[in-house]
Amino acid sequence: MRKAITLLLLIPFLLFYALPAEAAEKEERHWQDESIYFIMVDRFQNGNPANDGKDADPTDLKSYTGGDLKGVTDRLDYIQKMGFTAIWLTPVVDNVDGGYHGYWPKDFSKVDEHFGTMEDMKKLVKEAHKRNMKVILDYVANHTGPNHPWLNDPAKKDWFHPQQDITNWDDQTELENNWLFGLPDLNHENPDVRKFLIDNAKYWIKETGVDGFRLDAIKHIPKDFLKEFVSSIKKEYPNFFFIGEVLSEDPKYVSEYKDTGIDAFLNYPYYKEITDAFSKPGVSPDRLYNEWERDQQLYQDPYMLGTFIDNHDQVRFTRVALENKQYPPKRLRMALTYLLTSPGIPIMYYGTEIALDGGPDPDNRRIMDFKTDKDFQDYISKLGELRQQLPSLRRGTFEMLYDQDGMSVFKRTYEKETTVIAINNTTETKKVTLSSGQLAANKELRGLLSDDLVREENGSYALVLKRETANVYALAERTGLNWGFIGAIAGVYVLFTIFLILARRRRKKN
């Protein structure tokens, strides 16, 4: 009985506030439609303690701590519930001692025993695909781990550049030929090295069925090799996805790698600006928006840039907020709203959903704790849900409608669908008036992230947001007073009341 009453009360809400019909239409998915959850395998979840090894120590962030591939597989539903449609894993190849992070390869064709087996990797991909989720593997093509056995193999004496560390980080020749933080630098001019890396990459694709590679440290790899590497793989796997890491805050420098054939790049300039804009209140996101306008000039498809607010190489966003004497979950709500509603492929680092703290490496790689603030996690899930339901949040144009002292409003339009994103990154309630010329006449804005309904009155829309809050609105046809609809609802209530009276009389008789 209670369920029936609840359903009855929900009917008007569902009919008045449902998303516009256009939002439900399904289209073929492209990579710009994905949302990526980034996992450091060793720090996520220990699914099989039997493979920890004697050197695992959960109290030492410079060693293996127990996370593995089974742990990731066990948490796929958890990740999907937050609205993420793809996962990116740090390298899973066998590493030299101490290579818990995966970036010190030893055996390029074997899964590190601390993470499980090749069968575990295959199962993870299979389970992800069952959920219509994609899997990206980190691939290291620039170097090997320290003291790699190849260094003492006479047959591979020409596989490495001479040992010399990078000293001038503005010298491209040094970046490509010298050793990165003491790691043996592979000689990509050697045809045998090139063939090995290309064949090895194809091996991982064939064996596991992964959907893409995140290419590590590519500013240290010659562009001609990157071009050969990508084209060789795409000949056999034309839909395979590549996202490259060019660790630079210079957007022009990052864009110089676009001719290599790599599909997407991590947007480090965006990362810097989004951190500056939302790690404290009262800051305008204008430089962040200007970054988007610049990206449109630099890239043929700027929607394919990977956007993020923190990762395993940077101090966590939570730490920056704390240093600014701010409450991290509030700051994260602002930043994640922008991340998941602005153009690009959003990437969220594991632990952000619990506002995990972390300073410089390895402190930014703490072990995941799944005890979380449910309200905060629900907020992320709602953002992820809206991004998947509304094509305009993934493919739409991006226009700033209002910007003053941290209060900003953006509009995204795709085909017939328009959404409005309002972010009050200030310490006061703010009211913003938008003209019907900026949106459309005689319509209404339906709040989707939090309940709100704003109708056009006298040629304008008045948005009111409390301090440090955000909302996503769908522009829709004005509902007004539909007397036929109201009469039908009233009829339902009358019939239901009669049903309750008759049911009560029957109970009294019995």
Protein backbone atom coordinates (compact mmCIF):
# COMPACT_ATOMS: atom_id res chain seq x y z
CA MET A 1 0.00 0.00 0.00
CA ARG A 2 2.77 2.41 0.97
CA LYS A 3 4.59 1.73 -2.34
CA ALA A 4 1.41 2.51 -4.28
CA ILE A 5 0.96 5.81 -2.45
CA THR A 6 4.58 6.77 -3.05
CA LEU A 7 4.29 6.00 -6.76
CA LEU A 8 1.14 8.07 -6.99
CA LEU A 9 2.83 11.07 -5.40
CA LEU A 10 5.77 10.76 -7.79
CA ILE A 11 3.65 10.85 -10.97
CA PRO A 12 3.43 14.66 -11.26
CA PHE A 13 7.13 15.07 -10.55
CA LEU A 14 8.13 12.50 -13.16
CA LEU A 15 5.87 14.06 -15.79
CA PHE A 16 6.90 17.67 -15.13
CA TYR A 17 10.65 17.17 -14.63
CA ALA A 18 11.62 14.37 -16.98
CA LEU A 19 14.55 15.11 -19.28
CA PRO A 20 13.71 16.45 -22.75
CA ALA A 21 12.92 13.71 -25.26
CA GLU A 22 16.03 14.48 -27.30
CA ALA A 23 18.27 13.47 -24.38
CA ALA A 24 17.12 9.86 -24.49
CA GLU A 25 18.12 9.28 -28.09
CA LYS A 26 20.99 6.83 -28.52
CA GLU A 27 23.91 7.54 -30.82
CA GLU A 28 27.01 5.64 -31.76
CA ARG A 29 29.60 6.08 -29.04
CA HIS A 30 32.93 7.75 -29.75
CA TRP A 31 35.85 8.28 -27.40
CA GLN A 32 34.71 11.81 -26.62
CA ASP A 33 31.57 10.19 -25.15
CA GLU A 34 33.59 8.22 -22.58
CA SER A 35 34.36 9.13 -18.97
CA ILE A 36 37.55 7.51 -17.68
CA TYR A 37 38.37 6.30 -14.16
CA PHE A 38 42.15 6.13 -13.71
CA ILE A 39 43.55 3.41 -11.42
CA MET A 40 47.02 2.75 -10.03
CA VAL A 41 46.62 -1.03 -9.87
CA ASP A 42 48.82 -1.60 -6.80
CA ARG A 43 46.93 1.01 -4.74
CA PHE A 44 43.32 0.17 -5.56
CA GLN A 45 42.17 -3.12 -4.03
CA ASN A 46 43.79 -6.36 -2.93
CA GLY A 47 41.58 -8.96 -4.59
CA ASN A 48 43.98 -11.88 -4.12
CA PRO A 49 46.39 -11.72 -1.12
CA ALA A 50 48.08 -14.91 -2.40
CA ASN A 51 49.94 -12.90 -5.07
CA ASP A 52 51.19 -10.14 -2.76
CA GLY A 53 54.73 -11.51 -2.58
CA LYS A 54 57.19 -11.24 0.30
CA ASP A 55 58.11 -7.66 -0.62
CA ALA A 56 54.56 -6.29 -0.27
CA ASP A 57 54.18 -3.80 2.57
CA PRO A 58 50.90 -1.82 2.92
CA THR A 59 52.65 0.63 5.27
CA ASP A 60 55.33 1.63 2.74
CA LEU A 61 54.18 3.76 -0.20
CA LYS A 62 57.49 3.10 -1.99
CA SER A 63 56.82 -0.64 -2.23
CA TYR A 64 54.12 -2.97 -3.47
CA THR A 65 51.07 -2.78 -1.20
CA GLY A 66 48.85 -5.59 -2.53
CA GLY A 67 46.51 -4.12 -5.15
CA ASP A 68 45.92 -6.38 -8.16
CA LEU A 69 43.88 -7.04 -11.29
CA LYS A 70 41.30 -9.15 -9.47
CA GLY A 71 40.73 -6.22 -7.13
CA VAL A 72 39.95 -3.98 -10.11
CA THR A 73 37.62 -6.59 -11.60
CA ASP A 74 35.77 -6.88 -8.29
CA ARG A 75 35.12 -3.12 -8.32
CA LEU A 76 33.88 -2.63 -11.89
CA ASP A 77 30.27 -2.20 -10.75
CA TYR A 78 31.40 0.38 -8.20
CA ILE A 79 33.16 2.35 -10.96
CA GLN A 80 30.27 2.07 -13.40
CA LYS A 81 27.77 3.23 -10.77
CA MET A 82 29.59 6.57 -10.64
CA GLY A 83 28.95 7.00 -14.37
CA PHE A 84 32.37 6.03 -15.72
CA THR A 85 32.40 4.14 -19.00
CA ALA A 86 36.11 3.30 -19.26
CA ILE A 87 39.06 2.54 -16.99
CA TRP A 88 42.72 3.40 -17.45
CA LEU A 89 45.24 1.15 -15.68
CA THR A 90 48.87 1.91 -14.86
CA PRO A 91 51.26 -0.56 -16.59
CA VAL A 92 50.74 -4.19 -15.62
CA VAL A 93 53.93 -5.58 -17.22
CA ASP A 94 56.49 -7.37 -15.07
CA ASN A 95 58.70 -4.73 -13.41
CA VAL A 96 62.14 -4.76 -11.83
CA ASP A 97 62.25 -4.82 -8.00
CA GLY A 98 60.38 -1.89 -6.50
CA GLY A 99 58.40 -1.07 -9.63
CA TYR A 100 55.00 -1.12 -7.90
CA HIS A 101 53.81 1.68 -10.25
CA GLY A 102 54.52 -0.30 -13.42
CA TYR A 103 56.81 2.23 -15.11
CA TRP A 104 60.04 0.21 -14.70
CA PRO A 105 59.50 -2.60 -17.25
CA LYS A 106 61.55 -5.79 -16.99
CA ASP A 107 59.66 -8.41 -19.02
CA PHE A 108 57.52 -6.58 -21.57
CA SER A 109 55.44 -9.67 -22.35
CA LYS A 110 54.48 -10.82 -18.86
CA VAL A 111 52.01 -9.59 -16.23
CA ASP A 112 53.75 -8.60 -13.01
CA GLU A 113 53.29 -11.43 -10.48
CA HIS A 114 52.11 -8.94 -7.85
CA PHE A 115 49.13 -8.06 -10.04
CA GLY A 116 48.15 -11.59 -11.06
CA THR A 117 48.35 -13.41 -14.38
CA MET A 118 47.55 -12.85 -18.03
CA GLU A 119 44.33 -14.76 -17.37
CA ASP A 120 43.42 -12.20 -14.71
CA MET A 121 44.04 -9.43 -17.24
CA LYS A 122 41.88 -11.14 -19.85
CA LYS A 123 39.10 -11.66 -17.33
CA LEU A 124 39.17 -7.99 -16.33
CA VAL A 125 38.77 -6.88 -19.96
CA LYS A 126 36.03 -9.46 -20.55
CA GLU A 127 34.08 -8.34 -17.48
CA ALA A 128 34.48 -4.67 -18.43
CA HIS A 129 33.20 -5.35 -21.93
CA LYS A 130 30.19 -7.18 -20.47
CA ARG A 131 29.32 -3.88 -18.81
CA ASN A 132 29.93 -1.95 -22.05
CA MET A 133 33.03 -0.40 -20.46
CA LYS A 134 36.36 0.10 -22.24
CA VAL A 135 39.86 -0.60 -20.94
CA ILE A 136 42.99 1.48 -21.53
CA LEU A 137 46.42 0.12 -20.63
CA ASP A 138 49.40 2.32 -19.89
CA TYR A 139 52.21 1.48 -22.32
CA VAL A 140 55.87 2.37 -21.70
CA ALA A 141 57.90 2.73 -24.91
CA ASN A 142 60.62 5.18 -23.84
CA HIS A 143 62.71 3.23 -21.33
CA THR A 144 63.18 0.11 -19.23
CA GLY A 145 63.52 -0.31 -15.50
CA PRO A 146 66.84 0.34 -13.73
CA ASN A 147 69.56 -2.30 -14.12
CA HIS A 148 67.61 -4.07 -16.84
CA PRO A 149 69.15 -7.43 -17.95
CA TRP A 150 69.40 -6.11 -21.55
CA LEU A 151 72.11 -3.69 -20.39
CA ASN A 152 74.43 -6.67 -19.93
CA ASP A 153 73.38 -8.49 -23.11
CA PRO A 154 76.02 -8.07 -25.87
CA ALA A 155 73.35 -8.73 -28.51
CA LYS A 156 71.48 -5.62 -27.32
CA LYS A 157 74.38 -3.25 -26.80
CA ASP A 158 72.86 -0.85 -29.37
CA TRP A 159 69.39 -0.95 -27.82
CA PHE A 160 70.12 1.95 -25.46
CA HIS A 161 71.43 5.48 -25.71
CA PRO A 162 74.65 6.18 -23.75
CA GLN A 163 74.05 6.74 -20.06
CA GLN A 164 73.59 10.45 -19.49
CA ASP A 165 70.84 12.13 -17.50
CA ILE A 166 68.71 14.99 -18.81
CA THR A 167 70.11 18.29 -17.53
CA ASN A 168 68.54 20.83 -19.90
CA TRP A 169 64.78 20.26 -20.01
CA ASP A 170 64.39 22.79 -22.83
CA ASP A 171 66.68 20.83 -25.15
CA GLN A 172 64.59 18.42 -27.27
CA THR A 173 67.65 16.38 -28.22
CA GLU A 174 68.40 15.75 -24.56
CA LEU A 175 64.77 14.92 -23.85
CA GLU A 176 64.78 12.22 -26.52
CA ASN A 177 68.28 10.77 -26.09
CA ASN A 178 69.27 11.14 -22.44
CA TRP A 179 68.11 9.02 -19.51
CA LEU A 180 64.91 10.13 -17.77
CA PHE A 181 65.61 10.17 -14.01
CA GLY A 182 68.28 7.51 -14.48
CA LEU A 183 66.09 5.10 -16.46
CA PRO A 184 67.83 3.32 -19.39
CA ASP A 185 66.71 5.16 -22.54
CA LEU A 186 65.75 2.97 -25.49
CA ASN A 187 67.40 3.80 -28.82
CA HIS A 188 64.48 4.30 -31.20
CA GLU A 189 66.84 4.80 -34.13
CA ASN A 190 67.62 1.08 -33.89
CA PRO A 191 65.25 -0.90 -36.22
CA ASP A 192 65.31 -3.86 -33.83
CA VAL A 193 64.05 -1.71 -30.96
CA ARG A 194 61.29 -0.27 -33.12
CA LYS A 195 60.18 -3.71 -34.30
CA PHE A 196 60.24 -5.11 -30.77
CA LEU A 197 58.05 -2.37 -29.36
CA ILE A 198 55.53 -2.52 -32.22
CA ASP A 199 55.29 -6.32 -32.06
CA ASN A 200 55.01 -6.24 -28.27
CA ALA A 201 52.20 -3.69 -28.38
CA LYS A 202 50.28 -5.83 -30.86
CA TYR A 203 50.84 -8.84 -28.59
CA TRP A 204 49.11 -7.10 -25.68
CA ILE A 205 46.18 -6.04 -27.86
CA LYS A 206 45.72 -9.54 -29.29
CA GLU A 207 46.13 -11.30 -25.94
CA THR A 208 43.95 -9.09 -23.79
CA GLY A 209 41.48 -7.34 -26.10
CA VAL A 210 42.13 -3.93 -24.55
CA ASP A 211 40.64 -0.93 -26.32
CA GLY A 212 43.47 1.58 -26.08
CA PHE A 213 46.90 2.60 -24.82
CA ARG A 214 47.91 5.61 -22.81
CA LEU A 215 51.42 6.27 -24.16
CA ASP A 216 53.78 7.29 -21.38
CA ALA A 217 56.39 10.07 -21.60
CA ILE A 218 56.07 10.65 -25.35
CA LYS A 219 57.96 13.96 -25.36
CA HIS A 220 61.02 11.76 -24.75
CA ILE A 221 60.30 9.64 -27.86
CA PRO A 222 61.09 10.77 -31.44
CA LYS A 223 57.99 11.76 -33.39
CA ASP A 224 58.93 9.62 -36.38
CA PHE A 225 58.85 6.49 -34.22
CA LEU A 226 55.54 7.47 -32.64
CA LYS A 227 54.08 7.88 -36.11
CA GLU A 228 55.32 4.44 -37.20
CA PHE A 229 54.18 2.85 -33.93
CA VAL A 230 50.63 4.22 -34.18
CA SER A 231 50.18 3.62 -37.92
CA SER A 232 51.48 0.03 -37.69
CA ILE A 233 48.98 -0.83 -34.97
CA LYS A 234 46.06 0.97 -36.61
CA LYS A 235 46.62 -1.01 -39.83
CA GLU A 236 45.59 -4.13 -37.89
CA TYR A 237 43.35 -2.48 -35.30
CA PRO A 238 41.84 0.61 -36.97
CA ASN A 239 39.58 1.48 -34.02
CA PHE A 240 42.31 1.18 -31.41
CA PHE A 241 42.64 4.31 -29.27
CA PHE A 242 45.83 6.17 -28.32
CA ILE A 243 46.07 8.93 -25.73
CA GLY A 244 49.51 10.44 -25.25
CA GLU A 245 51.17 12.06 -22.26
CA VAL A 246 53.12 15.20 -23.15
CA LEU A 247 53.96 16.61 -19.73
CA SER A 248 53.97 20.31 -20.49
CA GLU A 249 51.82 23.33 -19.60
CA ASP A 250 52.56 24.85 -23.02
CA PRO A 251 49.52 24.09 -25.26
CA LYS A 252 51.48 24.78 -28.44
CA TYR A 253 54.19 22.31 -27.46
CA VAL A 254 51.61 19.61 -26.67
CA SER A 255 49.84 20.20 -29.99
CA GLU A 256 53.07 19.61 -31.93
CA TYR A 257 52.52 15.86 -31.42
CA LYS A 258 49.13 15.80 -33.18
CA ASP A 259 50.68 14.78 -36.53
CA THR A 260 51.96 11.50 -35.05
CA GLY A 261 48.50 9.96 -35.47
CA ILE A 262 47.87 9.79 -31.72
CA ASP A 263 44.12 10.27 -31.19
CA ALA A 264 44.15 12.31 -27.99
CA PHE A 265 46.45 13.96 -25.47
CA LEU A 266 46.31 14.59 -21.75
CA ASN A 267 45.49 18.27 -21.45
CA TYR A 268 48.09 19.48 -18.94
CA PRO A 269 47.40 23.19 -19.59
CA TYR A 270 43.73 22.52 -18.69
CA TYR A 271 44.84 20.72 -15.51
CA LYS A 272 46.78 23.75 -14.32
CA GLU A 273 43.92 26.18 -14.99
CA ILE A 274 41.13 24.05 -13.47
CA THR A 275 43.19 23.60 -10.29
CA ASP A 276 43.83 27.33 -10.04
CA ALA A 277 40.18 28.17 -10.73
CA PHE A 278 38.42 25.86 -8.28
CA SER A 279 40.84 25.06 -5.44
CA LYS A 280 39.62 28.25 -3.71
CA PRO A 281 36.51 30.47 -3.99
CA GLY A 282 36.19 33.78 -5.78
CA VAL A 283 38.34 32.86 -8.77
CA SER A 284 37.04 33.31 -12.31
CA PRO A 285 37.38 30.35 -14.71
CA ASP A 286 38.06 32.78 -17.56
CA ARG A 287 41.61 31.49 -18.16
CA LEU A 288 40.24 27.97 -18.24
CA TYR A 289 37.63 29.00 -20.79
CA ASN A 290 40.32 30.82 -22.80
CA GLU A 291 42.26 27.54 -22.84
CA TRP A 292 39.27 25.92 -24.57
CA GLU A 293 39.15 28.68 -27.19
CA ARG A 294 42.88 28.24 -27.82
CA ASP A 295 42.47 24.45 -28.12
CA GLN A 296 39.96 25.00 -30.92
CA GLN A 297 42.68 26.76 -32.88
CA LEU A 298 45.37 24.18 -32.13
CA TYR A 299 43.50 20.92 -32.70
CA GLN A 300 41.22 19.59 -35.41
CA ASP A 301 39.14 17.87 -32.71
CA PRO A 302 39.70 19.48 -29.28
CA TYR A 303 36.88 17.34 -27.85
CA MET A 304 39.39 14.47 -27.84
CA LEU A 305 41.67 16.03 -25.22
CA GLY A 306 41.87 14.19 -21.91
CA THR A 307 40.87 16.55 -19.09
CA PHE A 308 41.69 15.96 -15.40
CA ILE A 309 42.10 17.64 -12.02
CA ASP A 310 44.81 15.38 -10.58
CA ASN A 311 46.81 12.22 -11.29
CA HIS A 312 49.65 10.04 -10.03
CA ASP A 313 52.34 12.54 -11.07
CA GLN A 314 50.78 15.63 -9.49
CA VAL A 315 49.88 16.77 -5.99
CA ARG A 316 46.24 15.82 -5.43
CA PHE A 317 43.57 18.48 -5.81
CA THR A 318 42.54 17.81 -2.21
CA ARG A 319 46.00 18.82 -1.00
CA VAL A 320 45.90 22.07 -2.99
CA ALA A 321 42.47 22.88 -1.48
CA LEU A 322 43.76 22.15 2.03
CA GLU A 323 46.78 24.39 1.46
CA ASN A 324 44.29 27.10 0.47
CA LYS A 325 42.50 26.46 3.82
CA GLN A 326 39.39 25.15 2.06
CA TYR A 327 37.07 22.18 2.68
CA PRO A 328 38.06 19.76 -0.15
CA PRO A 329 34.63 18.18 -0.92
CA LYS A 330 33.11 21.62 -1.62
CA ARG A 331 36.03 22.56 -3.86
CA LEU A 332 35.85 19.17 -5.60
CA ARG A 333 32.14 19.63 -6.31
CA MET A 334 32.94 22.82 -8.21
CA ALA A 335 35.89 21.31 -10.09
CA LEU A 336 34.15 18.03 -10.95
CA THR A 337 31.06 19.87 -12.19
CA TYR A 338 33.24 21.77 -14.64
CA LEU A 339 35.28 18.65 -15.52
CA LEU A 340 32.24 16.52 -16.36
CA THR A 341 30.31 19.21 -18.22
CA SER A 342 33.06 20.93 -20.25
CA PRO A 343 34.47 19.67 -23.59
CA GLY A 344 36.99 16.85 -23.53
CA ILE A 345 37.31 13.30 -22.24
CA PRO A 346 37.06 13.60 -18.44
CA ILE A 347 39.50 11.49 -16.42
CA MET A 348 39.09 11.04 -12.66
CA TYR A 349 41.94 9.64 -10.58
CA TYR A 350 40.98 6.89 -8.12
CA GLY A 351 40.29 8.27 -4.64
CA THR A 352 38.97 11.64 -5.81
CA GLU A 353 35.49 10.37 -4.91
CA ILE A 354 36.60 10.19 -1.26
CA ALA A 355 38.63 13.44 -1.44
CA LEU A 356 41.80 11.38 -0.93
CA ASP A 357 44.70 13.59 0.17
CA GLY A 358 48.22 13.38 -1.21
CA GLY A 359 51.34 15.47 -1.66
CA PRO A 360 54.24 14.77 -4.04
CA ASP A 361 54.96 11.22 -5.26
CA PRO A 362 54.51 8.71 -3.62
CA ASP A 363 52.11 10.44 -1.19
CA ASN A 364 49.69 11.06 -4.07
CA ARG A 365 49.48 7.27 -4.50
CA ARG A 366 47.88 6.31 -1.20
CA ILE A 367 45.89 3.09 -0.80
CA MET A 368 42.22 3.45 -1.75
CA ASP A 369 39.65 3.48 1.07
CA PHE A 370 36.14 2.60 -0.06
CA LYS A 371 34.49 4.13 3.02
CA THR A 372 33.10 7.27 1.49
CA ASP A 373 30.78 10.21 2.01
CA LYS A 374 27.64 8.89 0.31
CA ASP A 375 26.29 12.37 -0.52
CA PHE A 376 29.54 13.31 -2.27
CA GLN A 377 29.70 10.05 -4.19
CA ASP A 378 26.03 10.42 -5.18
CA TYR A 379 26.87 13.89 -6.50
CA ILE A 380 29.58 12.42 -8.74
CA SER A 381 27.21 9.67 -9.86
CA LYS A 382 24.55 12.23 -10.78
CA LEU A 383 27.07 14.24 -12.81
CA GLY A 384 28.16 11.07 -14.60
CA GLU A 385 24.56 10.11 -15.28
CA LEU A 386 23.74 13.54 -16.73
CA ARG A 387 26.83 13.44 -18.95
CA GLN A 388 25.70 10.14 -20.44
CA GLN A 389 22.06 11.20 -20.82
CA LEU A 390 22.74 14.58 -22.43
CA PRO A 391 24.73 14.53 -25.70
CA SER A 392 25.24 18.29 -25.41
CA LEU A 393 27.51 17.73 -22.39
CA ARG A 394 29.77 15.51 -24.52
CA ARG A 395 29.51 16.95 -28.02
CA GLY A 396 27.96 20.37 -27.72
CA THR A 397 29.32 23.83 -28.41
CA PHE A 398 30.69 25.62 -25.35
CA GLU A 399 29.91 29.26 -24.66
CA MET A 400 30.40 31.40 -21.58
CA LEU A 401 27.22 33.40 -20.90
CA TYR A 402 28.23 35.05 -17.62
CA ASP A 403 31.40 35.47 -15.57
CA GLN A 404 31.93 37.68 -12.56
CA ASP A 405 34.06 37.15 -9.43
CA GLY A 406 33.73 33.37 -9.50
CA MET A 407 30.08 33.11 -10.55
CA SER A 408 29.92 31.67 -14.06
CA VAL A 409 27.33 30.31 -16.47
CA PHE A 410 28.03 28.26 -19.60
CA LYS A 411 25.82 27.06 -22.44
CA ARG A 412 26.24 23.87 -24.45
CA THR A 413 24.20 23.13 -27.56
CA TYR A 414 24.06 19.97 -29.65
CA GLU A 415 21.47 19.66 -32.42
CA LYS A 416 18.13 20.52 -30.71
CA GLU A 417 19.41 20.12 -27.17
CA THR A 418 20.67 22.97 -24.97
CA THR A 419 22.03 22.68 -21.46
CA VAL A 420 23.15 25.43 -19.11
CA ILE A 421 25.83 24.92 -16.45
CA ALA A 422 25.86 27.38 -13.55
CA ILE A 423 28.72 27.34 -11.01
CA ASN A 424 28.70 29.63 -7.99
CA ASN A 425 32.31 29.49 -6.89
CA THR A 426 31.84 32.29 -4.35
CA THR A 427 31.03 32.61 -0.64
CA GLU A 428 27.65 34.31 -1.22
CA THR A 429 24.30 33.46 -2.80
CA LYS A 430 24.32 34.82 -6.34
CA LYS A 431 21.59 35.81 -8.77
CA VAL A 432 22.29 35.87 -12.50
CA THR A 433 19.88 37.20 -15.11
CA LEU A 434 20.18 35.73 -18.60
CA SER A 435 18.33 37.19 -21.58
CA SER A 436 16.04 35.22 -23.85
CA GLY A 437 18.43 36.26 -26.61
CA GLN A 438 21.15 34.18 -24.94
CA LEU A 439 18.83 31.17 -24.65
CA ALA A 440 15.35 31.26 -26.20
CA ALA A 441 12.03 32.97 -25.61
CA ASN A 442 9.08 31.43 -23.78
CA LYS A 443 10.93 28.37 -22.46
CA GLU A 444 12.09 27.11 -19.08
CA LEU A 445 15.26 25.83 -17.46
CA ARG A 446 14.83 22.59 -15.52
CA GLY A 447 17.40 21.98 -12.79
CA LEU A 448 18.80 18.46 -13.10
CA LEU A 449 21.68 18.35 -10.63
CA SER A 450 19.43 19.85 -7.95
CA ASP A 451 15.71 20.64 -8.19
CA ASP A 452 14.93 24.01 -9.71
CA LEU A 453 12.61 25.45 -12.34
CA VAL A 454 13.31 28.81 -13.99
CA ARG A 455 10.79 30.16 -16.48
CA GLU A 456 11.42 33.01 -18.90
CA GLU A 457 9.73 36.14 -17.57
CA ASN A 458 9.72 39.47 -19.41
CA GLY A 459 12.50 38.33 -21.73
CA SER A 460 14.88 36.98 -19.07
CA TYR A 461 15.76 33.97 -16.91
CA ALA A 462 16.75 34.56 -13.27
CA LEU A 463 19.08 31.92 -11.83
CA VAL A 464 19.72 31.90 -8.08
CA LEU A 465 22.46 29.68 -6.63
CA LYS A 466 23.61 29.33 -3.05
CA ARG A 467 27.29 29.76 -2.23
CA GLU A 468 29.68 27.05 -3.47
CA THR A 469 27.02 25.14 -5.39
CA ALA A 470 26.39 24.28 -9.02
CA ASN A 471 23.52 23.14 -11.19
CA VAL A 472 22.95 21.78 -14.67
CA TYR A 473 19.80 22.93 -16.45
CA ALA A 474 18.00 21.56 -19.50
CA LEU A 475 16.33 24.15 -21.71
CA ALA A 476 12.84 22.82 -22.41
CA GLU A 477 9.39 23.80 -23.64
CA ARG A 478 7.46 25.78 -21.09
CA THR A 479 5.01 23.55 -19.24
CA GLY A 480 2.60 26.20 -17.92
CA LEU A 481 -0.80 25.17 -16.61
CA ASN A 482 -2.24 22.29 -18.62
CA TRP A 483 -5.82 22.05 -17.36
CA GLY A 484 -6.44 18.77 -19.14
CA PHE A 485 -3.37 17.29 -17.52
CA ILE A 486 -4.33 18.70 -14.10
CA GLY A 487 -7.84 17.26 -14.49
CA ALA A 488 -6.42 13.84 -15.34
CA ILE A 489 -4.16 13.94 -12.26
CA ALA A 490 -7.12 15.01 -10.11
CA GLY A 491 -9.12 12.10 -11.51
CA VAL A 492 -6.37 9.67 -10.57
CA TYR A 493 -6.34 11.01 -7.01
CA VAL A 494 -10.19 10.75 -6.75
CA LEU A 495 -10.20 7.16 -8.00
CA PHE A 496 -7.37 6.26 -5.64
CA THR A 497 -9.24 7.83 -2.69
CA ILE A 498 -12.34 5.77 -3.53
CA PHE A 499 -10.15 2.66 -3.69
CA LEU A 500 -8.76 3.42 -0.19
CA ILE A 501 -12.27 3.93 1.25
CA LEU A 502 -13.56 0.66 -0.21
CA ALA A 503 -10.48 -1.21 0.97
CA ARG A 504 -10.94 0.14 4.52
CA ARG A 505 -14.63 -0.91 4.56
CA ARG A 506 -13.71 -4.41 3.40
CA ARG A 507 -11.13 -4.72 6.21
CA LYS A 508 -13.76 -3.64 8.76
CA LYS A 509 -16.24 -6.24 7.45
CA ASN A 510 -13.63 -9.00 7.66
